[in-house]
């Protein structure tokens, strides 16, 4: 049992390294096929640390198609079928499951206060909160915070590397990709699922977490896409802003475009029933005024006489 459990850690690092090794050469080949620009204008991919922008934009286009055809309809159905109270319970339960990984990274970063908060939250929510379905700790003044190995590596001074757009999973970079894969193999819940040959449970957890997170960002991301001149560049900037806030352990209110970067601790606004029904400013009420009807002419002859009579304005 112990040998099998410990084997998850090296395999996680090997898998992360293999993923980066497979992605980066293909990206270099795709970029090499494109003509090189004559000059790098301000705000170019070089300044944005996006050397594989051509490949990233192609993957981003694929992700948008998947998002419109699959993710948004599923997220809308999730919101339509499950009441908001139960959605919050699912969200809190999933956050509570992340506590062991968050606690371990709090310790690795030398953050005893954050580690104490994570331990206290897990203890209170697991007991009084009935396994984490109720976030009792937040009501006691101990808010949720996210943490992962990517943030730990950043605090240790590891460079993020180039910007990457992952299929379906969204914005990332080699450092965070490595950390996410390692965290998934070190997660006690995933270990338990693997040891008991129920990997579908870990997969289902990831799917539900992704749908829950997407459902909380439908309107905000739709509005950003509608108002952005370059949606790809906007998402790239927002993803980096959100990640920088997480690394500094600051509260972030930037919409989450990547389930890999941890669930947002900010409360979601009351959602509309669909993306098309974004609230607008109320219009003034329409008023009506009754007008007395004019008497009808007695006959056709009277109507002709009244039309031929000279008006007072024509007299000189």
C-alpha atoms as a PDB file:
ATOM      1  CA  UNK A   1       0.000   0.000   0.000  1.00  0.00           C
ATOM      2  CA  UNK A   2       2.699   2.488   0.983  1.00  0.00           C
ATOM      3  CA  UNK A   3       4.908   1.639  -1.984  1.00  0.00           C
ATOM      4  CA  UNK A   4       2.001   2.098  -4.364  1.00  0.00           C
ATOM      5  CA  UNK A   5       1.034   5.442  -2.826  1.00  0.00           C
ATOM      6  CA  UNK A   6       4.533   6.876  -2.897  1.00  0.00           C
ATOM      7  CA  UNK A   7       4.857   5.927  -6.545  1.00  0.00           C
ATOM      8  CA  UNK A   8       2.369   8.636  -7.451  1.00  0.00           C
ATOM      9  CA  UNK A   9       4.836  11.419  -6.697  1.00  0.00           C
ATOM     10  CA  UNK A  10       7.638  10.583  -9.196  1.00  0.00           C
ATOM     11  CA  UNK A  11       5.103   9.560 -11.827  1.00  0.00           C
ATOM     12  CA  UNK A  12       3.440  12.954 -11.477  1.00  0.00           C
ATOM     13  CA  UNK A  13       6.697  14.793 -12.101  1.00  0.00           C
ATOM     14  CA  UNK A  14       7.524  12.525 -15.049  1.00  0.00           C
ATOM     15  CA  UNK A  15       4.093  13.109 -16.592  1.00  0.00           C
ATOM     16  CA  UNK A  16       4.400  16.879 -16.204  1.00  0.00           C
ATOM     17  CA  UNK A  17       7.822  16.870 -17.819  1.00  0.00           C
ATOM     18  CA  UNK A  18       6.541  14.671 -20.646  1.00  0.00           C
ATOM     19  CA  UNK A  19       3.613  16.995 -21.308  1.00  0.00           C
ATOM     20  CA  UNK A  20       5.902  20.023 -21.583  1.00  0.00           C
ATOM     21  CA  UNK A  21       8.336  18.107 -23.765  1.00  0.00           C
ATOM     22  CA  UNK A  22       5.547  17.121 -26.152  1.00  0.00           C
ATOM     23  CA  UNK A  23       3.949  20.557 -26.354  1.00  0.00           C
ATOM     24  CA  UNK A  24       6.908  22.862 -26.776  1.00  0.00           C
ATOM     25  CA  UNK A  25       8.580  21.238 -29.833  1.00  0.00           C
ATOM     26  CA  UNK A  26       5.239  21.164 -31.648  1.00  0.00           C
ATOM     27  CA  UNK A  27       4.700  24.798 -30.843  1.00  0.00           C
ATOM     28  CA  UNK A  28       8.160  25.719 -32.124  1.00  0.00           C
ATOM     29  CA  UNK A  29       7.467  23.867 -35.377  1.00  0.00           C
ATOM     30  CA  UNK A  30       4.134  25.661 -35.859  1.00  0.00           C
ATOM     31  CA  UNK A  31       5.678  29.056 -35.210  1.00  0.00           C
ATOM     32  CA  UNK A  32       8.607  28.309 -37.495  1.00  0.00           C
ATOM     33  CA  UNK A  33       6.191  27.824 -40.396  1.00  0.00           C
ATOM     34  CA  UNK A  34       4.886  31.376 -40.022  1.00  0.00           C
ATOM     35  CA  UNK A  35       6.697  34.333 -41.628  1.00  0.00           C
ATOM     36  CA  UNK A  36       8.777  36.293 -39.162  1.00  0.00           C
ATOM     37  CA  UNK A  37       7.582  39.854 -38.479  1.00  0.00           C
ATOM     38  CA  UNK A  38       9.775  42.709 -39.683  1.00  0.00           C
ATOM     39  CA  UNK A  39       9.657  44.450 -36.328  1.00  0.00           C
ATOM     40  CA  UNK A  40       8.187  43.813 -32.903  1.00  0.00           C
ATOM     41  CA  UNK A  41       5.582  46.494 -32.238  1.00  0.00           C
ATOM     42  CA  UNK A  42       4.593  47.631 -28.768  1.00  0.00           C
ATOM     43  CA  UNK A  43       2.518  45.026 -26.947  1.00  0.00           C
ATOM     44  CA  UNK A  44       3.783  42.214 -29.199  1.00  0.00           C
ATOM     45  CA  UNK A  45       4.092  38.570 -28.168  1.00  0.00           C
ATOM     46  CA  UNK A  46       7.729  39.143 -27.211  1.00  0.00           C
ATOM     47  CA  UNK A  47       6.721  41.672 -24.566  1.00  0.00           C
ATOM     48  CA  UNK A  48       3.848  39.428 -23.472  1.00  0.00           C
ATOM     49  CA  UNK A  49       6.202  36.415 -23.161  1.00  0.00           C
ATOM     50  CA  UNK A  50       4.107  34.619 -25.753  1.00  0.00           C
ATOM     51  CA  UNK A  51       6.600  33.237 -28.294  1.00  0.00           C
ATOM     52  CA  UNK A  52       4.135  30.566 -29.444  1.00  0.00           C
ATOM     53  CA  UNK A  53       1.298  33.007 -30.070  1.00  0.00           C
ATOM     54  CA  UNK A  54       0.352  31.484 -33.421  1.00  0.00           C
ATOM     55  CA  UNK A  55      -0.133  28.029 -31.937  1.00  0.00           C
ATOM     56  CA  UNK A  56      -1.721  29.443 -28.799  1.00  0.00           C
ATOM     57  CA  UNK A  57      -4.261  31.399 -30.845  1.00  0.00           C
ATOM     58  CA  UNK A  58      -5.158  28.269 -32.813  1.00  0.00           C
ATOM     59  CA  UNK A  59      -5.722  26.338 -29.569  1.00  0.00           C
ATOM     60  CA  UNK A  60      -7.667  29.301 -28.193  1.00  0.00           C
ATOM     61  CA  UNK A  61      -9.964  29.191 -31.217  1.00  0.00           C
ATOM     62  CA  UNK A  62     -10.524  25.477 -30.638  1.00  0.00           C
ATOM     63  CA  UNK A  63     -11.256  26.162 -26.959  1.00  0.00           C
ATOM     64  CA  UNK A  64     -13.811  28.812 -27.880  1.00  0.00           C
ATOM     65  CA  UNK A  65     -15.617  26.298 -30.075  1.00  0.00           C
ATOM     66  CA  UNK A  66     -15.666  23.720 -27.281  1.00  0.00           C
ATOM     67  CA  UNK A  67     -16.802  26.414 -24.856  1.00  0.00           C
ATOM     68  CA  UNK A  68     -19.750  27.514 -27.008  1.00  0.00           C
ATOM     69  CA  UNK A  69     -20.854  24.023 -28.034  1.00  0.00           C
ATOM     70  CA  UNK A  70     -20.227  22.074 -24.807  1.00  0.00           C
ATOM     71  CA  UNK A  71     -19.121  23.998 -21.725  1.00  0.00           C
ATOM     72  CA  UNK A  72     -21.538  26.939 -21.709  1.00  0.00           C
ATOM     73  CA  UNK A  73     -24.635  24.801 -22.490  1.00  0.00           C
ATOM     74  CA  UNK A  74     -23.637  22.320 -19.773  1.00  0.00           C
ATOM     75  CA  UNK A  75     -22.943  25.134 -17.308  1.00  0.00           C
ATOM     76  CA  UNK A  76     -26.294  26.771 -18.121  1.00  0.00           C
ATOM     77  CA  UNK A  77     -28.069  23.439 -17.658  1.00  0.00           C
ATOM     78  CA  UNK A  78     -26.215  22.966 -14.359  1.00  0.00           C
ATOM     79  CA  UNK A  79     -27.528  26.320 -13.154  1.00  0.00           C
ATOM     80  CA  UNK A  80     -31.034  25.658 -14.451  1.00  0.00           C
ATOM     81  CA  UNK A  81     -31.409  22.189 -12.895  1.00  0.00           C
ATOM     82  CA  UNK A  82     -29.596  22.636  -9.562  1.00  0.00           C
ATOM     83  CA  UNK A  83     -30.814  25.421  -7.219  1.00  0.00           C
ATOM     84  CA  UNK A  84     -28.270  28.020  -6.160  1.00  0.00           C
ATOM     85  CA  UNK A  85     -28.211  26.744  -2.558  1.00  0.00           C
ATOM     86  CA  UNK A  86     -27.150  23.281  -3.664  1.00  0.00           C
ATOM     87  CA  UNK A  87     -24.641  24.716  -6.145  1.00  0.00           C
ATOM     88  CA  UNK A  88     -23.023  26.612  -3.277  1.00  0.00           C
ATOM     89  CA  UNK A  89     -22.907  23.398  -1.254  1.00  0.00           C
ATOM     90  CA  UNK A  90     -21.161  21.589  -4.117  1.00  0.00           C
ATOM     91  CA  UNK A  91     -18.734  24.506  -4.508  1.00  0.00           C
ATOM     92  CA  UNK A  92     -17.906  24.501  -0.785  1.00  0.00           C
ATOM     93  CA  UNK A  93     -17.490  20.714  -0.751  1.00  0.00           C
ATOM     94  CA  UNK A  94     -15.035  20.819  -3.664  1.00  0.00           C
ATOM     95  CA  UNK A  95     -13.053  23.602  -1.987  1.00  0.00           C
ATOM     96  CA  UNK A  96     -12.871  21.577   1.213  1.00  0.00           C
ATOM     97  CA  UNK A  97     -11.477  18.604  -0.728  1.00  0.00           C
ATOM     98  CA  UNK A  98      -8.597  20.832  -1.848  1.00  0.00           C
ATOM     99  CA  UNK A  99      -7.550  21.552   1.755  1.00  0.00           C
ATOM    100  CA  UNK A 100      -4.713  18.953   2.017  1.00  0.00           C
ATOM    101  CA  UNK A 101      -2.941  20.261  -1.104  1.00  0.00           C
ATOM    102  CA  UNK A 102      -3.470  23.884  -0.032  1.00  0.00           C
ATOM    103  CA  UNK A 103      -2.158  23.115   3.476  1.00  0.00           C
ATOM    104  CA  UNK A 104       0.945  21.368   2.098  1.00  0.00           C
ATOM    105  CA  UNK A 105       1.781  24.343  -0.126  1.00  0.00           C
ATOM    106  CA  UNK A 106       1.161  26.787   2.726  1.00  0.00           C
ATOM    107  CA  UNK A 107       3.831  24.894   4.681  1.00  0.00           C
ATOM    108  CA  UNK A 108       6.224  24.686   1.723  1.00  0.00           C
ATOM    109  CA  UNK A 109       5.965  28.465   1.296  1.00  0.00           C
ATOM    110  CA  UNK A 110       6.709  29.133   4.961  1.00  0.00           C
ATOM    111  CA  UNK A 111       3.252  30.633   5.602  1.00  0.00           C
ATOM    112  CA  UNK A 112       2.278  29.413   9.106  1.00  0.00           C
ATOM    113  CA  UNK A 113      -0.674  31.811   9.389  1.00  0.00           C
ATOM    114  CA  UNK A 114      -2.147  30.593   6.105  1.00  0.00           C
ATOM    115  CA  UNK A 115      -1.463  26.980   7.069  1.00  0.00           C
ATOM    116  CA  UNK A 116      -3.291  27.542  10.364  1.00  0.00           C
ATOM    117  CA  UNK A 117      -6.252  29.042   8.523  1.00  0.00           C
ATOM    118  CA  UNK A 118      -6.374  26.120   6.093  1.00  0.00           C
ATOM    119  CA  UNK A 119      -6.172  23.549   8.895  1.00  0.00           C
ATOM    120  CA  UNK A 120      -8.815  25.353  10.934  1.00  0.00           C
ATOM    121  CA  UNK A 121     -11.121  25.683   7.936  1.00  0.00           C
ATOM    122  CA  UNK A 122     -10.783  21.989   7.084  1.00  0.00           C
ATOM    123  CA  UNK A 123     -11.442  20.966  10.702  1.00  0.00           C
ATOM    124  CA  UNK A 124     -14.485  23.206  11.176  1.00  0.00           C
ATOM    125  CA  UNK A 125     -16.047  22.623   7.756  1.00  0.00           C
ATOM    126  CA  UNK A 126     -15.489  18.857   7.836  1.00  0.00           C
ATOM    127  CA  UNK A 127     -17.106  18.506  11.273  1.00  0.00           C
ATOM    128  CA  UNK A 128     -19.631  21.279  11.830  1.00  0.00           C
ATOM    129  CA  UNK A 129     -20.046  21.814   8.089  1.00  0.00           C
ATOM    130  CA  UNK A 130     -21.037  18.167   7.481  1.00  0.00           C
ATOM    131  CA  UNK A 131     -18.065  17.149   5.360  1.00  0.00           C
ATOM    132  CA  UNK A 132     -17.565  20.589   3.846  1.00  0.00           C
ATOM    133  CA  UNK A 133     -20.954  21.121   2.218  1.00  0.00           C
ATOM    134  CA  UNK A 134     -21.352  24.213   4.420  1.00  0.00           C
ATOM    135  CA  UNK A 135     -18.595  26.835   4.635  1.00  0.00           C
ATOM    136  CA  UNK A 136     -18.982  27.500   8.362  1.00  0.00           C
ATOM    137  CA  UNK A 137     -15.406  28.799   8.664  1.00  0.00           C
ATOM    138  CA  UNK A 138     -16.114  31.795   6.428  1.00  0.00           C
ATOM    139  CA  UNK A 139     -18.979  32.784   8.725  1.00  0.00           C
ATOM    140  CA  UNK A 140     -16.453  32.671  11.582  1.00  0.00           C
ATOM    141  CA  UNK A 141     -14.200  35.122   9.703  1.00  0.00           C
ATOM    142  CA  UNK A 142     -11.735  32.635   8.160  1.00  0.00           C
ATOM    143  CA  UNK A 143     -12.032  33.048   4.365  1.00  0.00           C
ATOM    144  CA  UNK A 144     -10.979  30.522   1.761  1.00  0.00           C
ATOM    145  CA  UNK A 145      -7.688  30.960  -0.085  1.00  0.00           C
ATOM    146  CA  UNK A 146      -6.277  28.895  -2.911  1.00  0.00           C
ATOM    147  CA  UNK A 147      -2.725  27.575  -3.118  1.00  0.00           C
ATOM    148  CA  UNK A 148      -0.855  25.109  -5.302  1.00  0.00           C
ATOM    149  CA  UNK A 149       2.622  23.980  -6.279  1.00  0.00           C
ATOM    150  CA  UNK A 150       2.773  26.508  -9.117  1.00  0.00           C
ATOM    151  CA  UNK A 151       2.444  29.312  -6.565  1.00  0.00           C
ATOM    152  CA  UNK A 152       5.023  27.586  -4.349  1.00  0.00           C
ATOM    153  CA  UNK A 153       7.517  27.375  -7.216  1.00  0.00           C
ATOM    154  CA  UNK A 154       6.891  31.069  -7.967  1.00  0.00           C
ATOM    155  CA  UNK A 155       7.669  32.021  -4.361  1.00  0.00           C
ATOM    156  CA  UNK A 156      10.866  29.977  -4.637  1.00  0.00           C
ATOM    157  CA  UNK A 157      11.908  32.075  -7.611  1.00  0.00           C
ATOM    158  CA  UNK A 158      11.148  29.621 -10.429  1.00  0.00           C
ATOM    159  CA  UNK A 159      10.385  31.489 -13.658  1.00  0.00           C
ATOM    160  CA  UNK A 160       6.971  30.910 -15.171  1.00  0.00           C
ATOM    161  CA  UNK A 161       8.285  30.306 -18.670  1.00  0.00           C
ATOM    162  CA  UNK A 162       6.368  31.167 -21.854  1.00  0.00           C
ATOM    163  CA  UNK A 163       2.633  31.639 -21.957  1.00  0.00           C
ATOM    164  CA  UNK A 164       0.752  28.486 -22.981  1.00  0.00           C
ATOM    165  CA  UNK A 165      -2.834  27.958 -24.067  1.00  0.00           C
ATOM    166  CA  UNK A 166      -3.772  24.386 -23.171  1.00  0.00           C
ATOM    167  CA  UNK A 167      -6.532  22.514 -25.021  1.00  0.00           C
ATOM    168  CA  UNK A 168      -9.829  22.870 -23.086  1.00  0.00           C
ATOM    169  CA  UNK A 169      -7.970  23.762 -19.864  1.00  0.00           C
ATOM    170  CA  UNK A 170      -7.079  27.288 -20.947  1.00  0.00           C
ATOM    171  CA  UNK A 171      -4.220  29.661 -19.982  1.00  0.00           C
ATOM    172  CA  UNK A 172      -1.156  28.300 -18.219  1.00  0.00           C
ATOM    173  CA  UNK A 173       2.640  28.132 -18.414  1.00  0.00           C
ATOM    174  CA  UNK A 174       5.246  25.360 -17.950  1.00  0.00           C
ATOM    175  CA  UNK A 175       5.731  26.115 -14.240  1.00  0.00           C
ATOM    176  CA  UNK A 176       2.008  26.009 -13.449  1.00  0.00           C
ATOM    177  CA  UNK A 177       1.421  23.004 -15.702  1.00  0.00           C
ATOM    178  CA  UNK A 178       4.138  21.089 -13.857  1.00  0.00           C
ATOM    179  CA  UNK A 179       2.683  22.144 -10.509  1.00  0.00           C
ATOM    180  CA  UNK A 180      -0.887  21.224 -11.429  1.00  0.00           C
ATOM    181  CA  UNK A 181       0.059  17.721 -12.560  1.00  0.00           C
ATOM    182  CA  UNK A 182       2.190  17.147  -9.451  1.00  0.00           C
ATOM    183  CA  UNK A 183      -0.581  18.428  -7.170  1.00  0.00           C
ATOM    184  CA  UNK A 184      -3.102  16.095  -8.791  1.00  0.00           C
ATOM    185  CA  UNK A 185      -0.905  13.075  -8.073  1.00  0.00           C
ATOM    186  CA  UNK A 186      -0.183  14.244  -4.511  1.00  0.00           C
ATOM    187  CA  UNK A 187      -3.855  14.891  -3.707  1.00  0.00           C
ATOM    188  CA  UNK A 188      -5.076  12.398  -1.064  1.00  0.00           C
ATOM    189  CA  UNK A 189      -8.476  12.130  -2.729  1.00  0.00           C
ATOM    190  CA  UNK A 190      -6.905  11.155  -6.049  1.00  0.00           C
ATOM    191  CA  UNK A 191      -4.569   8.740  -4.261  1.00  0.00           C
ATOM    192  CA  UNK A 192      -7.516   7.049  -2.582  1.00  0.00           C
ATOM    193  CA  UNK A 193      -9.365   6.767  -5.882  1.00  0.00           C
ATOM    194  CA  UNK A 194      -6.301   5.247  -7.548  1.00  0.00           C
ATOM    195  CA  UNK A 195      -5.622   2.776  -4.734  1.00  0.00           C
ATOM    196  CA  UNK A 196      -9.236   1.589  -4.805  1.00  0.00           C
ATOM    197  CA  UNK A 197      -9.396   1.382  -8.617  1.00  0.00           C
ATOM    198  CA  UNK A 198     -12.076   4.083  -8.879  1.00  0.00           C
ATOM    199  CA  UNK A 199     -10.251   6.629 -11.004  1.00  0.00           C
ATOM    200  CA  UNK A 200     -13.606   7.666 -12.450  1.00  0.00           C
ATOM    201  CA  UNK A 201     -14.280   9.338  -9.083  1.00  0.00           C
ATOM    202  CA  UNK A 202     -11.249  11.589  -9.514  1.00  0.00           C
ATOM    203  CA  UNK A 203     -12.276  12.302 -13.106  1.00  0.00           C
ATOM    204  CA  UNK A 204     -15.841  13.120 -12.049  1.00  0.00           C
ATOM    205  CA  UNK A 205     -14.504  15.470  -9.381  1.00  0.00           C
ATOM    206  CA  UNK A 206     -12.483  17.341 -11.967  1.00  0.00           C
ATOM    207  CA  UNK A 207     -15.416  17.570 -14.387  1.00  0.00           C
ATOM    208  CA  UNK A 208     -17.836  18.849 -11.743  1.00  0.00           C
ATOM    209  CA  UNK A 209     -15.265  21.347 -10.516  1.00  0.00           C
ATOM    210  CA  UNK A 210     -14.745  22.649 -14.048  1.00  0.00           C
ATOM    211  CA  UNK A 211     -18.491  22.939 -14.728  1.00  0.00           C
ATOM    212  CA  UNK A 212     -19.035  24.689 -11.389  1.00  0.00           C
ATOM    213  CA  UNK A 213     -16.273  27.185 -12.071  1.00  0.00           C
ATOM    214  CA  UNK A 214     -17.479  27.848 -15.625  1.00  0.00           C
ATOM    215  CA  UNK A 215     -21.027  28.407 -14.394  1.00  0.00           C
ATOM    216  CA  UNK A 216     -19.768  31.148 -12.072  1.00  0.00           C
ATOM    217  CA  UNK A 217     -18.095  33.064 -14.901  1.00  0.00           C
ATOM    218  CA  UNK A 218     -20.610  32.853 -17.753  1.00  0.00           C
ATOM    219  CA  UNK A 219     -21.841  36.445 -17.765  1.00  0.00           C
ATOM    220  CA  UNK A 220     -18.489  38.047 -16.909  1.00  0.00           C
ATOM    221  CA  UNK A 221     -16.562  36.232 -19.657  1.00  0.00           C
ATOM    222  CA  UNK A 222     -19.365  36.825 -22.181  1.00  0.00           C
ATOM    223  CA  UNK A 223     -19.265  40.552 -21.445  1.00  0.00           C
ATOM    224  CA  UNK A 224     -15.458  40.621 -21.750  1.00  0.00           C
ATOM    225  CA  UNK A 225     -15.657  38.828 -25.107  1.00  0.00           C
ATOM    226  CA  UNK A 226     -18.339  41.241 -26.335  1.00  0.00           C
ATOM    227  CA  UNK A 227     -16.339  44.360 -25.441  1.00  0.00           C
ATOM    228  CA  UNK A 228     -12.810  43.163 -26.295  1.00  0.00           C
ATOM    229  CA  UNK A 229     -11.058  44.193 -29.496  1.00  0.00           C
ATOM    230  CA  UNK A 230      -8.757  41.155 -29.118  1.00  0.00           C
ATOM    231  CA  UNK A 231     -10.350  38.549 -26.854  1.00  0.00           C
ATOM    232  CA  UNK A 232      -7.239  36.344 -26.886  1.00  0.00           C
ATOM    233  CA  UNK A 233      -4.982  39.163 -25.669  1.00  0.00           C
ATOM    234  CA  UNK A 234      -7.542  40.198 -23.053  1.00  0.00           C
ATOM    235  CA  UNK A 235      -7.784  36.671 -21.631  1.00  0.00           C
ATOM    236  CA  UNK A 236      -3.992  36.437 -21.594  1.00  0.00           C
ATOM    237  CA  UNK A 237      -3.757  39.670 -19.605  1.00  0.00           C
ATOM    238  CA  UNK A 238      -6.566  38.739 -17.190  1.00  0.00           C
ATOM    239  CA  UNK A 239      -5.110  35.277 -16.561  1.00  0.00           C
ATOM    240  CA  UNK A 240      -1.750  36.801 -15.663  1.00  0.00           C
ATOM    241  CA  UNK A 241      -3.338  39.416 -13.403  1.00  0.00           C
ATOM    242  CA  UNK A 242      -5.292  36.748 -11.568  1.00  0.00           C
ATOM    243  CA  UNK A 243      -2.258  34.501 -11.199  1.00  0.00           C
ATOM    244  CA  UNK A 244      -0.099  37.373  -9.922  1.00  0.00           C
ATOM    245  CA  UNK A 245      -2.713  38.144  -7.260  1.00  0.00           C
ATOM    246  CA  UNK A 246      -2.761  34.492  -6.194  1.00  0.00           C
ATOM    247  CA  UNK A 247       1.030  34.398  -5.928  1.00  0.00           C
ATOM    248  CA  UNK A 248       0.912  37.507  -3.699  1.00  0.00           C
ATOM    249  CA  UNK A 249      -1.930  35.905  -1.696  1.00  0.00           C
ATOM    250  CA  UNK A 250      -4.182  38.828  -2.470  1.00  0.00           C
ATOM    251  CA  UNK A 251      -7.915  38.737  -3.018  1.00  0.00           C
ATOM    252  CA  UNK A 252      -8.663  38.648  -6.739  1.00  0.00           C
ATOM    253  CA  UNK A 253     -11.900  39.544  -8.484  1.00  0.00           C
ATOM    254  CA  UNK A 254     -10.767  38.769 -12.039  1.00  0.00           C
ATOM    255  CA  UNK A 255     -12.941  36.218 -13.886  1.00  0.00           C
ATOM    256  CA  UNK A 256     -11.377  32.785 -13.993  1.00  0.00           C
ATOM    257  CA  UNK A 257     -10.654  31.618 -17.528  1.00  0.00           C
ATOM    258  CA  UNK A 258      -8.735  28.515 -16.447  1.00  0.00           C
ATOM    259  CA  UNK A 259      -9.927  25.787 -14.060  1.00  0.00           C
ATOM    260  CA  UNK A 260      -6.240  24.923 -13.542  1.00  0.00           C
ATOM    261  CA  UNK A 261      -5.684  28.127 -11.573  1.00  0.00           C
ATOM    262  CA  UNK A 262      -7.916  27.218  -8.670  1.00  0.00           C
ATOM    263  CA  UNK A 263     -11.486  28.045  -7.798  1.00  0.00           C
ATOM    264  CA  UNK A 264     -12.279  31.652  -7.129  1.00  0.00           C
ATOM    265  CA  UNK A 265     -12.942  32.600  -3.522  1.00  0.00           C
ATOM    266  CA  UNK A 266     -15.039  35.604  -4.545  1.00  0.00           C
ATOM    267  CA  UNK A 267     -18.801  35.110  -4.215  1.00  0.00           C
ATOM    268  CA  UNK A 268     -20.480  34.804  -7.583  1.00  0.00           C
ATOM    269  CA  UNK A 269     -23.096  37.418  -8.504  1.00  0.00           C
ATOM    270  CA  UNK A 270     -26.708  36.356  -8.897  1.00  0.00           C
ATOM    271  CA  UNK A 271     -26.706  34.839 -12.415  1.00  0.00           C
ATOM    272  CA  UNK A 272     -29.196  35.590 -15.161  1.00  0.00           C
ATOM    273  CA  UNK A 273     -31.110  32.678 -16.653  1.00  0.00           C
ATOM    274  CA  UNK A 274     -28.992  32.809 -19.800  1.00  0.00           C
ATOM    275  CA  UNK A 275     -26.146  34.725 -21.379  1.00  0.00           C
ATOM    276  CA  UNK A 276     -28.586  36.559 -23.625  1.00  0.00           C
ATOM    277  CA  UNK A 277     -30.439  38.008 -20.633  1.00  0.00           C
ATOM    278  CA  UNK A 278     -27.730  40.246 -19.204  1.00  0.00           C
ATOM    279  CA  UNK A 279     -29.490  42.879 -17.024  1.00  0.00           C
ATOM    280  CA  UNK A 280     -29.921  46.315 -18.583  1.00  0.00           C
ATOM    281  CA  UNK A 281     -30.939  49.711 -17.206  1.00  0.00           C
ATOM    282  CA  UNK A 282     -34.699  49.922 -16.535  1.00  0.00           C
ATOM    283  CA  UNK A 283     -36.751  51.945 -19.014  1.00  0.00           C
ATOM    284  CA  UNK A 284     -39.235  54.624 -17.852  1.00  0.00           C
ATOM    285  CA  UNK A 285     -42.832  53.514 -17.578  1.00  0.00           C
ATOM    286  CA  UNK A 286     -45.051  54.253 -20.581  1.00  0.00           C
ATOM    287  CA  UNK A 287     -47.913  56.739 -19.931  1.00  0.00           C
ATOM    288  CA  UNK A 288     -51.182  57.245 -21.778  1.00  0.00           C
ATOM    289  CA  UNK A 289     -53.488  60.313 -22.201  1.00  0.00           C
ATOM    290  CA  UNK A 290     -57.115  60.088 -23.198  1.00  0.00           C
ATOM    291  CA  UNK A 291     -58.135  62.406 -26.117  1.00  0.00           C
ATOM    292  CA  UNK A 292     -61.787  63.293 -26.763  1.00  0.00           C
ATOM    293  CA  UNK A 293     -62.949  61.956 -30.146  1.00  0.00           C
ATOM    294  CA  UNK A 294     -63.888  64.518 -32.811  1.00  0.00           C
ATOM    295  CA  UNK A 295     -67.529  64.439 -33.987  1.00  0.00           C
ATOM    296  CA  UNK A 296     -67.983  62.595 -37.241  1.00  0.00           C
ATOM    297  CA  UNK A 297     -69.340  64.570 -40.221  1.00  0.00           C
ATOM    298  CA  UNK A 298     -73.033  64.243 -40.834  1.00  0.00           C
ATOM    299  CA  UNK A 299     -72.625  63.249 -44.468  1.00  0.00           C
ATOM    300  CA  UNK A 300     -70.212  63.036 -47.364  1.00  0.00           C
ATOM    301  CA  UNK A 301     -71.380  66.478 -48.535  1.00  0.00           C
ATOM    302  CA  UNK A 302     -70.549  68.071 -45.207  1.00  0.00           C
ATOM    303  CA  UNK A 303     -67.050  66.475 -45.310  1.00  0.00           C
ATOM    304  CA  UNK A 304     -66.423  67.942 -48.793  1.00  0.00           C
ATOM    305  CA  UNK A 305     -67.621  71.431 -47.714  1.00  0.00           C
ATOM    306  CA  UNK A 306     -65.313  71.422 -44.644  1.00  0.00           C
ATOM    307  CA  UNK A 307     -62.301  70.431 -46.739  1.00  0.00           C
ATOM    308  CA  UNK A 308     -62.950  73.134 -49.330  1.00  0.00           C
ATOM    309  CA  UNK A 309     -63.568  75.936 -46.816  1.00  0.00           C
ATOM    310  CA  UNK A 310     -60.663  78.471 -46.664  1.00  0.00           C
ATOM    311  CA  UNK A 311     -58.685  78.412 -43.426  1.00  0.00           C
ATOM    312  CA  UNK A 312     -58.223  81.511 -41.285  1.00  0.00           C
ATOM    313  CA  UNK A 313     -54.457  81.379 -41.857  1.00  0.00           C
ATOM    314  CA  UNK A 314     -54.909  81.928 -45.603  1.00  0.00           C
ATOM    315  CA  UNK A 315     -56.650  85.291 -45.274  1.00  0.00           C
ATOM    316  CA  UNK A 316     -54.469  88.262 -45.929  1.00  0.00           C
END
